[in-house]
Amino acid sequence: MRPAAGELVSRSTAAPAGWPLPVLRLPLVRLDFPGLHHPDTAGAEGHTREWLDRWGLFDEAAKVRNASHLFGHLGAYGYPFANREALWLAADWATWLYAFDDGHVDEPAPDPVGVSSQIAALLRVLEGGLSYTPLADALADIAARYRRLGSAAQLARFRDAIRGYLLGCLAEITYRSARSTPTVDEYLPLRVQASATLSCLAMVEIASGGAELGPAQLHDPAVETLTRHAAYIIAIVNDLFSCTREISNCPVDFVFNLPLVCAHADGRGLQAGLDRAAGIANREIRAFADLYARAEPPAAPPVQAHLRAIRAWLQGTYDWMVDCGRYSPYWNPAEWPAAPAT
């Protein structure tokens, strides 16, 4: 959806050339939980850059575009309790996700057949088959390392979350290729899959610093609900922060992004869509905070460790999106949130 003609203005030189954008205000969405970044942030970044080069996930142009984005820091921000092996694995997984999203899902012209072929190769790896592409090779490495660090049940949950992510990506490509807009109710469950937040939360299981939860603990209603809130919060905040970036970089009119879906549904323009999306995010944040305050104090120690790791992932991922430089150039600097002090 292009902005209305009367809203168009020239883009700031701080952002890459693309569509002209309306004058937009970034609505306030803040998370103010404790920020507990891993002390080995530099180590995670150095490892992830080497890992990227080893598997050839970025071509030279992508390396230049992403040189300042510090994907390794995302692992350190989101998994402060992890040991070194789990930290590096989490950082590599986050980097793999951005390589796949940027290269095949979010920003290129939509290619359902090409993406389906990539997804088939990735599903084959998840089922234990051979890999034939750099992305599949790197995913095989991720799965093998997860297997060494986690139990069979934890690995199965991680694989299931990846399959959900790939389903969400295919849904996104399908809507984009048809230039069709889902309803808000259709969009949200698809977006939480396509955002990969559930797979990142599955990584929390091996990076919490606590004991593995039993089935009853993991499927306790409070644990499941807090996990779901955290997944939706990051998916929606990412949509807000990335909205103008995706409009600029996407070669077709429609971008699979909640503010644009809301704007299409309400017919009131992109600013109103941003405001509605922010309202949804803030309701999720309040619901998470209220339930966490009730559920964490009386929980058994392993459940407390898991919930604290979910909260740390939520705050840390938000802080990274604020700090990383990937999204802020597309907004008025005066309106960009500052990460909480740590």
Protein backbone atom coordinates (compact mmCIF):
# COMPACT_ATOMS: atom_id res chain seq x y z
CA MET A 1 0.00 0.00 0.00
CA ARG A 2 1.53 3.32 -1.02
CA PRO A 3 0.91 6.41 1.11
CA ALA A 4 -1.68 8.85 -0.15
CA ALA A 5 -0.24 11.31 -2.63
CA GLY A 6 -0.82 14.31 -0.38
CA GLU A 7 1.26 12.76 2.39
CA LEU A 8 4.44 12.18 0.38
CA VAL A 9 7.68 13.90 1.28
CA SER A 10 11.31 13.33 0.34
CA ARG A 11 13.21 10.72 2.33
CA SER A 12 15.96 11.67 4.72
CA THR A 13 19.47 11.07 3.39
CA ALA A 14 20.11 8.91 6.47
CA ALA A 15 18.14 6.06 4.88
CA PRO A 16 18.62 4.25 1.57
CA ALA A 17 16.77 5.50 -1.45
CA GLY A 18 13.34 3.99 -2.01
CA TRP A 19 9.75 5.03 -1.86
CA PRO A 20 9.02 8.52 -0.58
CA LEU A 21 7.38 8.26 2.81
CA PRO A 22 4.74 10.27 4.61
CA VAL A 23 5.74 12.32 7.61
CA LEU A 24 5.30 9.70 10.31
CA ARG A 25 5.47 9.72 14.09
CA LEU A 26 6.81 6.62 15.82
CA PRO A 27 4.35 5.75 18.61
CA LEU A 28 5.77 5.14 22.06
CA VAL A 29 6.28 1.48 22.90
CA ARG A 30 8.70 0.78 25.75
CA LEU A 31 9.86 -2.21 27.73
CA ASP A 32 11.43 -1.39 31.07
CA PHE A 33 12.27 -4.77 32.54
CA PRO A 34 15.83 -5.32 33.82
CA GLY A 35 18.38 -5.44 30.98
CA LEU A 36 20.85 -8.25 31.67
CA HIS A 37 23.17 -8.45 28.68
CA HIS A 38 25.71 -11.27 28.51
CA PRO A 39 29.23 -10.18 29.54
CA ASP A 40 30.79 -11.85 26.47
CA THR A 41 29.07 -9.67 23.89
CA ALA A 42 32.29 -9.14 21.95
CA GLY A 43 33.00 -12.86 21.89
CA ALA A 44 29.55 -13.62 20.51
CA GLU A 45 29.96 -10.99 17.80
CA GLY A 46 33.39 -12.23 16.78
CA HIS A 47 32.21 -15.84 16.63
CA THR A 48 29.10 -15.00 14.62
CA ARG A 49 31.04 -13.02 12.01
CA GLU A 50 33.36 -15.99 11.53
CA TRP A 51 30.38 -18.36 11.36
CA LEU A 52 28.69 -16.20 8.72
CA ASP A 53 31.81 -16.29 6.57
CA ARG A 54 32.25 -20.03 7.02
CA TRP A 55 28.78 -20.82 5.69
CA GLY A 56 28.66 -18.05 3.09
CA LEU A 57 25.27 -16.69 4.20
CA PHE A 58 25.88 -13.10 3.08
CA ASP A 59 27.23 -12.05 -0.29
CA GLU A 60 29.55 -9.05 -0.42
CA ALA A 61 26.71 -6.56 -0.85
CA ALA A 62 24.85 -8.01 2.14
CA LYS A 63 28.02 -7.87 4.22
CA VAL A 64 28.31 -4.16 3.51
CA ARG A 65 24.63 -3.50 4.25
CA ASN A 66 24.74 -5.41 7.53
CA ALA A 67 28.27 -4.57 8.69
CA SER A 68 27.08 -2.31 11.51
CA HIS A 69 24.09 -4.34 12.66
CA LEU A 70 25.98 -6.56 15.14
CA PHE A 71 23.83 -9.68 14.93
CA GLY A 72 26.12 -11.41 17.42
CA HIS A 73 25.09 -8.80 19.97
CA LEU A 74 21.49 -9.98 19.56
CA GLY A 75 22.47 -13.31 21.12
CA ALA A 76 24.24 -11.57 24.00
CA TYR A 77 21.36 -9.18 24.58
CA GLY A 78 18.70 -11.90 24.54
CA TYR A 79 20.42 -14.76 26.40
CA PRO A 80 22.37 -13.28 29.33
CA PHE A 81 22.35 -16.53 31.36
CA ALA A 82 23.68 -18.80 28.60
CA ASN A 83 26.98 -20.65 28.71
CA ARG A 84 29.38 -19.93 25.87
CA GLU A 85 28.19 -22.74 23.58
CA ALA A 86 24.52 -21.81 24.00
CA LEU A 87 25.30 -18.10 23.57
CA TRP A 88 27.13 -18.68 20.32
CA LEU A 89 24.38 -20.97 19.06
CA ALA A 90 21.69 -18.40 19.87
CA ALA A 91 23.69 -15.65 18.15
CA ASP A 92 24.20 -17.80 15.07
CA TRP A 93 20.51 -18.69 14.93
CA ALA A 94 19.51 -15.03 15.05
CA THR A 95 21.98 -14.28 12.26
CA TRP A 96 20.68 -17.17 10.15
CA LEU A 97 17.15 -15.80 10.50
CA TYR A 98 18.15 -12.37 9.23
CA ALA A 99 20.07 -13.92 6.33
CA PHE A 100 17.03 -15.94 5.26
CA ASP A 101 14.49 -13.15 5.84
CA ASP A 102 16.43 -10.41 4.09
CA GLY A 103 17.54 -12.61 1.24
CA HIS A 104 14.32 -14.46 0.47
CA VAL A 105 11.26 -13.22 2.38
CA ASP A 106 11.00 -9.59 3.47
CA GLU A 107 12.81 -7.43 0.94
CA PRO A 108 13.25 -9.12 -2.47
CA ALA A 109 10.48 -9.30 -5.04
CA PRO A 110 8.22 -12.13 -3.81
CA ASP A 111 9.01 -15.47 -5.41
CA PRO A 112 6.74 -18.22 -4.01
CA VAL A 113 8.34 -20.98 -6.09
CA GLY A 114 11.87 -19.95 -5.21
CA VAL A 115 11.06 -19.63 -1.51
CA SER A 116 9.20 -22.95 -1.55
CA SER A 117 12.30 -24.58 -3.01
CA GLN A 118 14.45 -23.09 -0.25
CA ILE A 119 11.95 -24.21 2.38
CA ALA A 120 11.92 -27.74 0.96
CA ALA A 121 15.70 -27.90 1.36
CA LEU A 122 15.41 -26.66 4.94
CA LEU A 123 12.65 -29.10 5.84
CA ARG A 124 14.76 -31.92 4.44
CA VAL A 125 17.55 -30.95 6.84
CA LEU A 126 15.14 -30.83 9.80
CA GLU A 127 14.11 -34.38 8.93
CA GLY A 128 17.73 -35.53 8.97
CA GLY A 129 18.35 -35.40 5.24
CA LEU A 130 21.27 -34.00 3.28
CA SER A 131 21.77 -30.30 2.73
CA TYR A 132 22.41 -28.75 -0.68
CA THR A 133 22.39 -24.98 -0.13
CA PRO A 134 24.40 -22.64 2.13
CA LEU A 135 21.30 -21.89 4.20
CA ALA A 136 20.54 -25.59 4.59
CA ASP A 137 24.18 -26.35 5.44
CA ALA A 138 24.11 -23.68 8.15
CA LEU A 139 20.77 -24.93 9.48
CA ALA A 140 22.20 -28.45 9.70
CA ASP A 141 25.04 -27.02 11.79
CA ILE A 142 22.54 -25.22 14.06
CA ALA A 143 20.48 -28.40 14.55
CA ALA A 144 23.53 -30.54 15.29
CA ARG A 145 24.79 -28.11 17.92
CA TYR A 146 21.33 -27.81 19.49
CA ARG A 147 21.21 -31.62 19.68
CA ARG A 148 24.49 -31.64 21.64
CA LEU A 149 23.28 -29.01 24.11
CA GLY A 150 19.66 -30.03 24.65
CA SER A 151 17.51 -33.08 25.20
CA ALA A 152 15.61 -34.91 22.48
CA ALA A 153 12.39 -33.25 23.66
CA GLN A 154 13.96 -29.78 23.53
CA LEU A 155 15.32 -30.41 20.03
CA ALA A 156 11.89 -31.58 18.87
CA ARG A 157 10.30 -28.39 20.16
CA PHE A 158 12.97 -26.28 18.43
CA ARG A 159 12.40 -28.10 15.15
CA ASP A 160 8.64 -27.63 15.46
CA ALA A 161 9.15 -23.91 16.02
CA ILE A 162 11.33 -23.72 12.89
CA ARG A 163 8.65 -25.49 10.86
CA GLY A 164 6.13 -22.94 12.11
CA TYR A 165 8.48 -20.15 11.12
CA LEU A 166 8.85 -21.54 7.60
CA LEU A 167 5.06 -21.84 7.31
CA GLY A 168 4.74 -18.20 8.33
CA CYS A 169 7.34 -17.18 5.73
CA LEU A 170 5.44 -19.03 3.01
CA ALA A 171 2.22 -17.28 4.06
CA GLU A 172 3.99 -13.91 3.90
CA ILE A 173 5.33 -14.58 0.41
CA THR A 174 1.88 -15.76 -0.72
CA TYR A 175 0.18 -12.55 0.40
CA ARG A 176 2.95 -10.37 -1.04
CA SER A 177 2.99 -12.10 -4.42
CA ALA A 178 -0.79 -11.72 -4.70
CA ARG A 179 -0.60 -8.11 -3.45
CA SER A 180 -3.33 -9.11 -1.03
CA THR A 181 -3.82 -7.84 2.49
CA PRO A 182 -4.90 -10.13 5.34
CA THR A 183 -7.24 -8.97 8.05
CA VAL A 184 -5.66 -8.10 11.39
CA ASP A 185 -7.05 -11.32 12.88
CA GLU A 186 -5.53 -13.34 10.04
CA TYR A 187 -2.25 -11.48 10.15
CA LEU A 188 -1.31 -11.76 13.84
CA PRO A 189 -1.05 -15.58 14.16
CA LEU A 190 0.80 -15.75 10.85
CA ARG A 191 3.17 -12.96 11.85
CA VAL A 192 4.09 -14.54 15.18
CA GLN A 193 5.20 -17.57 13.17
CA ALA A 194 6.97 -15.59 10.42
CA SER A 195 8.78 -13.46 13.01
CA ALA A 196 10.59 -16.60 14.32
CA THR A 197 10.09 -15.39 17.88
CA LEU A 198 8.79 -18.79 18.96
CA SER A 199 11.98 -20.45 17.73
CA CYS A 200 14.06 -17.90 19.65
CA LEU A 201 12.01 -18.63 22.76
CA ALA A 202 12.62 -22.36 22.20
CA MET A 203 16.32 -21.46 22.37
CA VAL A 204 15.65 -20.11 25.87
CA GLU A 205 15.23 -23.71 27.04
CA ILE A 206 18.94 -24.42 26.63
CA ALA A 207 20.13 -20.90 27.51
CA SER A 208 18.29 -20.16 30.78
CA GLY A 209 21.01 -21.42 33.08
CA GLY A 210 18.43 -23.59 34.83
CA ALA A 211 17.30 -27.20 34.76
CA GLU A 212 15.13 -28.56 31.95
CA LEU A 213 11.43 -28.16 32.70
CA GLY A 214 9.19 -31.19 32.77
CA PRO A 215 6.14 -31.34 30.50
CA ALA A 216 3.74 -30.21 33.25
CA GLN A 217 5.94 -27.21 34.07
CA LEU A 218 6.54 -26.24 30.46
CA HIS A 219 2.85 -26.48 29.62
CA ASP A 220 1.64 -24.71 32.74
CA PRO A 221 -0.90 -22.10 31.57
CA ALA A 222 1.11 -19.21 33.01
CA VAL A 223 4.33 -20.36 31.32
CA GLU A 224 2.60 -20.88 27.99
CA THR A 225 0.80 -17.53 28.20
CA LEU A 226 3.94 -15.58 29.10
CA THR A 227 5.79 -17.26 26.24
CA ARG A 228 3.01 -16.31 23.84
CA HIS A 229 2.91 -12.70 25.07
CA ALA A 230 6.68 -12.37 24.66
CA ALA A 231 6.53 -13.77 21.13
CA TYR A 232 3.78 -11.37 20.08
CA ILE A 233 5.42 -8.35 21.71
CA ILE A 234 8.67 -8.72 19.80
CA ALA A 235 6.88 -9.57 16.55
CA ILE A 236 4.75 -6.43 16.78
CA VAL A 237 7.53 -4.11 17.98
CA ASN A 238 9.68 -5.36 15.12
CA ASP A 239 6.84 -4.51 12.73
CA LEU A 240 6.65 -1.00 14.15
CA PHE A 241 10.38 -0.34 14.06
CA SER A 242 10.88 -1.91 10.62
CA CYS A 243 7.80 -0.52 8.88
CA THR A 244 9.47 2.40 7.12
CA ARG A 245 12.59 0.33 6.38
CA GLU A 246 10.56 -2.36 4.67
CA ILE A 247 8.54 0.16 2.68
CA SER A 248 11.81 1.67 1.46
CA ASN A 249 13.47 -1.62 0.54
CA CYS A 250 10.49 -3.61 -0.76
CA PRO A 251 10.06 -3.57 -4.57
CA VAL A 252 6.26 -4.11 -4.45
CA ASP A 253 3.50 -2.04 -2.94
CA PHE A 254 2.40 -4.31 -0.12
CA VAL A 255 4.60 -5.13 2.85
CA PHE A 256 3.55 -7.82 5.32
CA ASN A 257 3.62 -5.55 8.34
CA LEU A 258 1.06 -4.88 11.08
CA PRO A 259 0.82 -1.07 10.75
CA LEU A 260 0.09 -1.45 7.03
CA VAL A 261 -2.44 -4.22 7.70
CA CYS A 262 -4.16 -1.97 10.26
CA ALA A 263 -4.09 0.99 7.88
CA HIS A 264 -5.71 -1.11 5.16
CA ALA A 265 -8.34 -2.46 7.54
CA ASP A 266 -9.30 0.92 8.99
CA GLY A 267 -8.83 3.11 5.91
CA ARG A 268 -7.40 5.91 8.04
CA GLY A 269 -3.82 6.14 6.79
CA LEU A 270 -0.47 4.77 7.85
CA GLN A 271 -0.08 6.92 10.97
CA ALA A 272 -3.36 5.57 12.33
CA GLY A 273 -2.12 2.08 11.47
CA LEU A 274 1.09 2.69 13.42
CA ASP A 275 -0.92 3.95 16.39
CA ARG A 276 -3.25 0.94 16.35
CA ALA A 277 -0.33 -1.48 16.12
CA ALA A 278 1.39 0.26 19.02
CA GLY A 279 -1.79 -0.04 21.06
CA ILE A 280 -1.83 -3.80 20.44
CA ALA A 281 1.82 -4.04 21.50
CA ASN A 282 1.28 -2.03 24.66
CA ARG A 283 -1.68 -4.20 25.67
CA GLU A 284 0.52 -7.28 25.25
CA ILE A 285 3.28 -5.66 27.32
CA ARG A 286 0.87 -4.83 30.16
CA ALA A 287 -0.56 -8.34 30.08
CA PHE A 288 2.94 -9.86 30.23
CA ALA A 289 3.99 -7.61 33.13
CA ASP A 290 0.83 -8.28 35.14
CA LEU A 291 0.99 -12.05 34.70
CA TYR A 292 4.74 -12.21 35.33
CA ALA A 293 4.32 -10.37 38.63
CA ARG A 294 1.78 -12.98 39.74
CA ALA A 295 3.39 -16.11 38.31
CA GLU A 296 7.13 -15.80 38.92
CA PRO A 297 7.41 -15.31 42.72
CA PRO A 298 5.57 -18.52 43.80
CA ALA A 299 6.99 -20.72 41.02
CA ALA A 300 9.41 -23.59 41.62
CA PRO A 301 13.09 -22.62 41.11
CA PRO A 302 13.43 -24.22 37.64
CA VAL A 303 10.28 -22.43 36.48
CA GLN A 304 11.52 -19.15 37.97
CA ALA A 305 14.77 -19.51 36.02
CA HIS A 306 12.85 -20.18 32.82
CA LEU A 307 10.52 -17.21 33.31
CA ARG A 308 13.42 -14.90 34.11
CA ALA A 309 15.11 -16.06 30.91
CA ILE A 310 11.96 -15.31 28.91
CA ARG A 311 11.78 -11.83 30.42
CA ALA A 312 15.49 -11.29 29.73
CA TRP A 313 15.05 -12.40 26.12
CA LEU A 314 12.09 -10.03 25.73
CA GLN A 315 13.91 -7.01 27.13
CA GLY A 316 17.21 -7.85 25.48
CA THR A 317 15.70 -8.31 22.03
CA TYR A 318 13.89 -4.99 22.36
CA ASP A 319 17.13 -3.29 23.50
CA TRP A 320 19.00 -4.73 20.52
CA MET A 321 16.39 -3.45 18.06
CA VAL A 322 16.78 0.00 19.63
CA ASP A 323 20.59 -0.09 19.65
CA CYS A 324 21.55 -1.97 16.48
CA GLY A 325 21.22 0.78 13.88
CA ARG A 326 19.13 -1.36 11.54
CA TYR A 327 15.85 0.50 12.12
CA SER A 328 16.61 3.89 13.70
CA PRO A 329 17.84 5.66 10.51
CA TYR A 330 14.32 5.44 9.09
CA TRP A 331 12.76 7.48 11.90
CA ASN A 332 13.03 10.93 13.41
CA PRO A 333 15.96 10.65 15.88
CA ALA A 334 14.08 12.72 18.43
CA GLU A 335 11.34 10.08 18.57
CA TRP A 336 13.57 7.00 18.69
CA PRO A 337 13.45 5.26 22.11
CA ALA A 338 16.62 5.06 24.14
CA ALA A 339 17.45 1.63 25.53
CA PRO A 340 17.15 1.38 29.34
CA ALA A 341 20.42 1.75 31.21
CA THR A 342 21.99 -1.50 32.40
